[in-house]
Amino acid sequence: MPARCRRSERPTVYLDQSTLSDAFSAMDALADDSRAAFQPLVTWVHEAAREANLCLSPAHILELSGWAHSDGDAMAAWLDGLDTVWLYPVQRLLQREDERLVREIAGLDPPSRIEPFAPSFLSLFEGTWTPEQLAEALAQPTIATAVRQTRSRPTDGRRSYMPRLHADIQRDRERAGNDRLSDSCRRDVLKDKRRLAIRKKANDAHLRLAAADPDYAAASASRSNLVDGFVHRVVADPAALPVDTVVRTLFRGFEEVTARRQPGSKRVQRDFGGSFDDFTHAAAGAAYCDVFTCDEVTAECLGGARERLGLSPPLFRRRGEPASCFIERLFAAWEAA
């Protein structure tokens, strides 16, 4: 069974797909010197899985499903041999955060954070699999099975998502320039849109709870008071909704990082084609795990989001940096967690 419950007294580490791939490739008997340099990482990954909490999310499955079959299946089999802890899908984490905060504002729960770690592997896919897929997963509840099932689905255009978003952002910038909107006016517009989005999140959470939670329905809290309180908390305290904070920071950072890039260029396609998957990893792992790795662009987009949540900065391999230096920094962060 490729999952276990989180050990609350041990640190959590979330390795993005690239870091796990570096470790996996180092195990190849024919690995060249550049890949063999990651051998210490292999030993450490196995130790983290055995002694603490090595965390994965559905984003890992999604990425592996896009690999060549033999490579994806081989890495999935390796991960199946490790004791791993799973984070819920990002959308479910966002909804859980909203509902927890609404219940707190209604006076039903004390201040706390959600439990982002799933109790079992199969619970990740509740309500998303067909009866046939569920039967196969119950018969063979492995990462490899989930990768095969995900691979059979139509492509969802992940590699084109961020380049398209970049083009949309650039068009908005041009439109704002044509309309002669000042930067301060533009910031005010964005702030108003953000408050409307927060109000919608609060109202949606209220409706879900009222329909499914008898204790909440019986509390008969005023919807307007709940929504106003929710907005006030989220605006005043970024840590109130960790995943939401990370997601917003990522996309705001993406806008700034790509501001001077030419939409549709080969460089944008090359540099940001994988950013959707990178951001999906970060949305969960960066919000809740003690140690988090990512690529350089994602770290730049994250800015100080993790620090604002009381976590250590993201770790990434700098361009041209020897593997040994990155591994040394990773080990140091692990020791400090």
Protein backbone atom coordinates (compact mmCIF):
# COMPACT_ATOMS: atom_id res chain seq x y z
CA MET A 1 0.00 0.00 0.00
CA PRO A 2 1.78 3.18 -1.15
CA ALA A 3 0.78 5.36 1.80
CA ARG A 4 0.80 5.70 5.52
CA CYS A 5 -0.42 8.27 8.00
CA ARG A 6 1.81 11.20 8.78
CA ARG A 7 3.98 10.92 11.87
CA SER A 8 3.10 14.16 13.59
CA GLU A 9 6.32 14.37 15.58
CA ARG A 10 8.56 14.01 12.49
CA PRO A 11 9.33 16.63 9.83
CA THR A 12 7.66 16.54 6.42
CA VAL A 13 9.51 16.86 3.11
CA TYR A 14 7.99 17.40 -0.32
CA LEU A 15 10.28 16.76 -3.29
CA ASP A 16 9.15 18.00 -6.68
CA GLN A 17 9.28 15.67 -9.66
CA SER A 18 12.68 16.92 -10.84
CA THR A 19 14.36 16.20 -7.51
CA LEU A 20 12.83 12.74 -7.30
CA SER A 21 13.86 12.12 -10.90
CA ASP A 22 17.45 13.05 -10.08
CA ALA A 23 17.45 10.46 -7.30
CA PHE A 24 15.79 7.83 -9.49
CA SER A 25 18.22 8.32 -12.38
CA ALA A 26 21.20 8.00 -10.01
CA MET A 27 20.22 4.39 -9.28
CA ASP A 28 20.81 3.38 -12.91
CA ALA A 29 23.88 1.13 -13.10
CA LEU A 30 24.81 2.90 -16.33
CA ALA A 31 24.36 6.41 -14.92
CA ASP A 32 26.96 8.90 -16.13
CA ASP A 33 28.93 11.09 -13.74
CA SER A 34 26.37 13.90 -13.75
CA ARG A 35 23.57 11.55 -12.66
CA ALA A 36 25.74 9.50 -10.31
CA ALA A 37 26.45 12.72 -8.41
CA PHE A 38 22.94 12.44 -7.00
CA GLN A 39 23.65 9.07 -5.33
CA PRO A 40 23.69 10.63 -1.80
CA LEU A 41 20.18 11.88 -2.54
CA VAL A 42 18.99 8.30 -3.13
CA THR A 43 20.13 7.19 0.32
CA TRP A 44 18.54 10.22 1.92
CA VAL A 45 15.18 9.77 0.13
CA HIS A 46 14.95 6.22 1.44
CA GLU A 47 15.88 7.42 4.94
CA ALA A 48 13.27 10.21 4.86
CA ALA A 49 10.59 7.73 3.74
CA ARG A 50 11.57 5.25 6.44
CA GLU A 51 12.23 7.58 9.39
CA ALA A 52 10.03 10.62 8.82
CA ASN A 53 7.44 11.83 6.26
CA LEU A 54 8.23 11.74 2.55
CA CYS A 55 5.24 13.50 1.01
CA LEU A 56 3.73 13.09 -2.44
CA SER A 57 0.62 14.52 -4.08
CA PRO A 58 -1.54 13.72 -7.12
CA ALA A 59 0.70 16.12 -9.06
CA HIS A 60 3.40 13.44 -9.04
CA ILE A 61 0.98 10.94 -10.59
CA LEU A 62 -0.09 13.48 -13.18
CA GLU A 63 3.49 14.17 -14.25
CA LEU A 64 4.44 10.48 -14.41
CA SER A 65 1.42 9.79 -16.61
CA GLY A 66 2.93 12.08 -19.23
CA TRP A 67 6.25 10.24 -19.34
CA ALA A 68 7.15 7.49 -21.78
CA HIS A 69 5.39 4.37 -20.52
CA SER A 70 8.50 2.43 -19.56
CA ASP A 71 10.10 5.36 -17.71
CA GLY A 72 6.91 6.40 -15.91
CA ASP A 73 6.08 2.84 -14.89
CA ALA A 74 9.62 2.23 -13.63
CA MET A 75 9.66 5.33 -11.46
CA ALA A 76 6.14 4.60 -10.19
CA ALA A 77 7.33 1.13 -9.16
CA TRP A 78 10.23 2.70 -7.26
CA LEU A 79 7.91 5.09 -5.44
CA ASP A 80 5.60 2.17 -4.64
CA GLY A 81 8.47 0.62 -2.71
CA LEU A 82 8.78 3.65 -0.41
CA ASP A 83 6.70 4.56 2.65
CA THR A 84 5.02 7.76 1.52
CA VAL A 85 2.55 10.25 2.96
CA TRP A 86 0.01 11.76 0.56
CA LEU A 87 -1.37 15.27 0.39
CA TYR A 88 -4.95 15.77 -0.79
CA PRO A 89 -5.55 17.28 -4.26
CA VAL A 90 -5.19 21.06 -4.33
CA GLN A 91 -8.86 21.78 -5.01
CA ARG A 92 -9.91 19.71 -2.01
CA LEU A 93 -7.35 21.47 0.17
CA LEU A 94 -8.71 24.86 -0.91
CA GLN A 95 -12.27 23.83 -0.04
CA ARG A 96 -11.21 22.35 3.31
CA GLU A 97 -9.39 25.55 4.24
CA ASP A 98 -12.43 27.65 3.39
CA GLU A 99 -14.79 25.42 5.35
CA ARG A 100 -12.53 25.28 8.39
CA LEU A 101 -12.30 29.07 8.54
CA VAL A 102 -16.05 29.54 8.06
CA ARG A 103 -16.74 27.11 10.92
CA GLU A 104 -14.27 28.96 13.10
CA ILE A 105 -15.92 32.31 12.38
CA ALA A 106 -19.31 30.75 13.13
CA GLY A 107 -17.95 29.82 16.58
CA LEU A 108 -18.08 26.06 16.01
CA ASP A 109 -14.33 25.34 15.97
CA PRO A 110 -11.32 26.79 17.78
CA PRO A 111 -8.58 28.35 15.63
CA SER A 112 -6.68 25.56 13.92
CA ARG A 113 -5.44 24.42 10.54
CA ILE A 114 -6.79 21.65 8.34
CA GLU A 115 -5.21 18.22 8.11
CA PRO A 116 -3.75 18.29 4.58
CA PHE A 117 -2.43 14.72 4.68
CA ALA A 118 -4.71 11.96 3.42
CA PRO A 119 -5.29 8.91 5.66
CA SER A 120 -4.93 6.52 2.71
CA PHE A 121 -3.89 6.47 -0.92
CA LEU A 122 -7.34 5.61 -2.27
CA SER A 123 -8.97 8.47 -0.35
CA LEU A 124 -7.21 10.86 -2.75
CA PHE A 125 -9.50 9.77 -5.57
CA GLU A 126 -12.83 9.70 -3.77
CA GLY A 127 -15.57 10.63 -6.20
CA THR A 128 -13.25 10.91 -9.22
CA TRP A 129 -12.96 7.31 -10.45
CA THR A 130 -15.44 5.19 -12.37
CA PRO A 131 -16.59 1.89 -10.78
CA GLU A 132 -14.23 0.03 -13.15
CA GLN A 133 -11.26 2.18 -12.17
CA LEU A 134 -12.11 1.85 -8.48
CA ALA A 135 -12.30 -1.94 -8.81
CA GLU A 136 -8.84 -2.02 -10.39
CA ALA A 137 -7.43 0.29 -7.74
CA LEU A 138 -8.88 -1.82 -4.92
CA ALA A 139 -7.37 -4.93 -6.48
CA GLN A 140 -3.98 -3.26 -6.92
CA PRO A 141 -3.78 0.00 -4.89
CA THR A 142 -0.48 1.26 -6.24
CA ILE A 143 0.99 4.41 -7.71
CA ALA A 144 1.63 2.46 -10.91
CA THR A 145 -2.09 1.69 -11.21
CA ALA A 146 -3.00 5.35 -10.72
CA VAL A 147 -0.42 6.38 -13.34
CA ARG A 148 -1.90 3.93 -15.88
CA GLN A 149 -5.43 5.16 -15.23
CA THR A 150 -4.40 8.81 -15.49
CA ARG A 151 -2.46 8.08 -18.67
CA SER A 152 -5.60 6.69 -20.31
CA ARG A 153 -7.42 10.00 -19.95
CA PRO A 154 -7.33 12.66 -22.69
CA THR A 155 -4.62 15.29 -22.41
CA ASP A 156 -5.74 18.43 -20.59
CA GLY A 157 -3.37 20.89 -22.25
CA ARG A 158 -1.21 21.37 -19.17
CA ARG A 159 1.90 22.36 -21.14
CA SER A 160 0.08 25.12 -22.99
CA TYR A 161 -1.76 26.51 -19.95
CA MET A 162 0.94 28.81 -18.53
CA PRO A 163 2.11 30.17 -21.93
CA ARG A 164 -1.55 30.97 -22.71
CA LEU A 165 -1.91 32.64 -19.31
CA HIS A 166 1.23 34.66 -20.02
CA ALA A 167 -0.29 35.89 -23.30
CA ASP A 168 -3.54 36.83 -21.51
CA ILE A 169 -1.59 38.76 -18.86
CA GLN A 170 0.31 40.67 -21.53
CA ARG A 171 -2.94 41.56 -23.30
CA ASP A 172 -4.36 42.86 -20.01
CA ARG A 173 -1.25 44.97 -19.50
CA GLU A 174 -1.56 46.43 -23.00
CA ARG A 175 -5.26 47.14 -22.47
CA ALA A 176 -4.51 48.89 -19.19
CA GLY A 177 -1.87 50.97 -20.97
CA ASN A 178 -4.27 51.90 -23.75
CA ASP A 179 -6.87 52.89 -21.18
CA ARG A 180 -4.19 54.95 -19.42
CA LEU A 181 -4.75 53.25 -16.10
CA SER A 182 -2.11 54.17 -13.55
CA ASP A 183 -0.35 51.44 -11.58
CA SER A 184 -2.17 52.52 -8.42
CA CYS A 185 -5.53 52.38 -10.18
CA ARG A 186 -4.69 48.96 -11.54
CA ARG A 187 -3.76 47.75 -8.05
CA ASP A 188 -7.07 49.09 -6.70
CA VAL A 189 -8.98 47.21 -9.39
CA LEU A 190 -7.12 44.00 -8.56
CA LYS A 191 -7.75 44.52 -4.84
CA ASP A 192 -11.50 44.90 -5.45
CA LYS A 193 -11.53 41.76 -7.59
CA ARG A 194 -9.66 39.90 -4.88
CA ARG A 195 -12.22 40.88 -2.23
CA LEU A 196 -15.04 39.72 -4.49
CA ALA A 197 -13.24 36.39 -5.00
CA ILE A 198 -12.81 35.97 -1.24
CA ARG A 199 -16.49 36.69 -0.65
CA LYS A 200 -17.41 34.04 -3.21
CA LYS A 201 -15.12 31.51 -1.50
CA ALA A 202 -16.80 32.22 1.83
CA ASN A 203 -20.31 32.00 0.41
CA ASP A 204 -19.57 28.74 -1.43
CA ALA A 205 -18.13 27.21 1.75
CA HIS A 206 -21.18 28.36 3.71
CA LEU A 207 -23.53 26.68 1.23
CA ARG A 208 -21.56 23.43 1.24
CA LEU A 209 -21.54 23.30 5.03
CA ALA A 210 -25.21 24.23 5.36
CA ALA A 211 -26.11 21.33 3.05
CA ALA A 212 -23.82 18.68 4.54
CA ASP A 213 -23.00 19.63 8.14
CA PRO A 214 -25.94 19.38 10.61
CA ASP A 215 -24.01 21.17 13.37
CA TYR A 216 -23.29 24.06 11.07
CA ALA A 217 -26.86 24.22 9.78
CA ALA A 218 -28.15 24.26 13.36
CA ALA A 219 -25.89 27.15 14.30
CA SER A 220 -27.97 29.49 12.10
CA ALA A 221 -25.12 31.96 11.72
CA SER A 222 -25.79 35.06 9.65
CA ARG A 223 -24.40 34.58 6.17
CA SER A 224 -23.45 38.26 5.82
CA ASN A 225 -21.60 38.25 9.14
CA LEU A 226 -19.77 35.07 8.19
CA VAL A 227 -18.75 36.40 4.80
CA ASP A 228 -17.61 39.75 6.22
CA GLY A 229 -15.64 38.01 8.95
CA PHE A 230 -14.08 35.63 6.45
CA VAL A 231 -12.94 38.49 4.20
CA HIS A 232 -11.50 40.41 7.14
CA ARG A 233 -9.50 37.40 8.35
CA VAL A 234 -8.10 36.47 4.95
CA VAL A 235 -7.05 40.03 4.11
CA ALA A 236 -5.44 40.53 7.53
CA ASP A 237 -3.77 37.12 7.92
CA PRO A 238 -2.14 35.29 4.96
CA ALA A 239 -1.73 32.18 7.14
CA ALA A 240 -5.52 31.85 7.49
CA LEU A 241 -5.65 30.03 4.12
CA PRO A 242 -2.16 28.64 3.39
CA VAL A 243 -2.86 26.99 0.02
CA ASP A 244 -4.85 29.99 -1.18
CA THR A 245 -1.99 32.28 -0.15
CA VAL A 246 0.54 30.17 -2.04
CA VAL A 247 -1.62 29.95 -5.17
CA ARG A 248 -2.24 33.70 -5.27
CA THR A 249 1.44 34.46 -4.67
CA LEU A 250 2.51 32.06 -7.41
CA PHE A 251 0.30 33.62 -10.06
CA ARG A 252 1.12 37.17 -8.97
CA GLY A 253 4.80 36.24 -9.11
CA PHE A 254 4.33 34.63 -12.51
CA GLU A 255 2.89 37.89 -13.81
CA GLU A 256 5.93 39.82 -12.56
CA VAL A 257 8.54 37.28 -13.67
CA THR A 258 7.14 37.08 -17.21
CA ALA A 259 6.38 40.79 -17.65
CA ARG A 260 9.12 41.40 -20.21
CA ARG A 261 8.85 38.10 -22.10
CA GLN A 262 7.43 37.98 -25.62
CA PRO A 263 4.09 36.06 -25.67
CA GLY A 264 4.15 32.96 -27.84
CA SER A 265 7.93 32.90 -28.16
CA LYS A 266 9.86 29.64 -28.14
CA ARG A 267 11.58 30.76 -24.95
CA VAL A 268 8.25 31.20 -23.15
CA GLN A 269 7.13 27.77 -24.34
CA ARG A 270 10.42 26.25 -23.17
CA ASP A 271 10.67 28.05 -19.83
CA PHE A 272 7.03 27.91 -18.76
CA GLY A 273 5.56 24.86 -20.52
CA GLY A 274 5.97 22.82 -17.32
CA SER A 275 5.00 25.58 -14.90
CA PHE A 276 1.44 24.33 -14.47
CA ASP A 277 2.74 21.07 -12.98
CA ASP A 278 5.36 22.96 -10.97
CA PHE A 279 2.71 25.26 -9.53
CA THR A 280 0.44 22.31 -8.72
CA HIS A 281 3.25 20.77 -6.68
CA ALA A 282 3.86 24.08 -4.93
CA ALA A 283 0.21 24.75 -4.12
CA ALA A 284 0.15 21.84 -1.68
CA GLY A 285 3.75 21.11 -0.78
CA ALA A 286 4.86 24.70 -0.30
CA ALA A 287 1.90 25.48 1.94
CA TYR A 288 2.25 22.69 4.49
CA CYS A 289 5.56 20.79 4.32
CA ASP A 290 8.62 21.65 6.41
CA VAL A 291 11.04 21.14 3.51
CA PHE A 292 9.99 21.88 -0.06
CA THR A 293 11.92 21.67 -3.33
CA CYS A 294 11.02 23.21 -6.69
CA ASP A 295 12.60 24.72 -9.78
CA GLU A 296 14.15 28.18 -9.88
CA VAL A 297 11.22 29.89 -11.64
CA THR A 298 8.71 28.54 -9.10
CA ALA A 299 10.92 29.70 -6.22
CA GLU A 300 11.09 33.17 -7.75
CA CYS A 301 7.32 33.28 -8.19
CA LEU A 302 6.78 32.09 -4.60
CA GLY A 303 8.79 34.99 -3.25
CA GLY A 304 8.45 35.02 0.53
CA ALA A 305 5.16 33.09 0.71
CA ARG A 306 6.59 30.20 2.72
CA GLU A 307 8.31 32.51 5.16
CA ARG A 308 5.00 34.34 5.73
CA LEU A 309 3.51 30.97 6.63
CA GLY A 310 6.28 30.30 9.15
CA LEU A 311 8.15 27.81 6.93
CA SER A 312 11.67 27.67 5.54
CA PRO A 313 12.41 29.11 2.07
CA PRO A 314 11.93 26.82 -0.94
CA LEU A 315 14.97 24.87 -2.10
CA PHE A 316 15.99 24.73 -5.75
CA ARG A 317 19.07 23.87 -7.74
CA ARG A 318 20.55 27.09 -9.05
CA ARG A 319 21.51 27.27 -12.70
CA GLY A 320 24.97 25.72 -13.13
CA GLU A 321 25.15 24.67 -9.48
CA PRO A 322 26.89 21.33 -8.80
CA ALA A 323 24.59 18.60 -7.53
CA SER A 324 26.65 18.32 -4.34
CA CYS A 325 25.93 21.94 -3.37
CA PHE A 326 22.17 21.54 -3.82
CA ILE A 327 22.17 18.27 -1.85
CA GLU A 328 24.18 19.88 0.94
CA ARG A 329 21.64 22.70 1.26
CA LEU A 330 18.78 20.18 1.20
CA PHE A 331 20.35 18.12 3.97
CA ALA A 332 20.94 21.26 6.05
CA ALA A 333 17.29 22.30 5.70
CA TRP A 334 16.24 18.78 6.70
CA GLU A 335 18.43 18.85 9.82
CA ALA A 336 16.95 22.23 10.81
CA ALA A 337 13.31 21.16 10.31
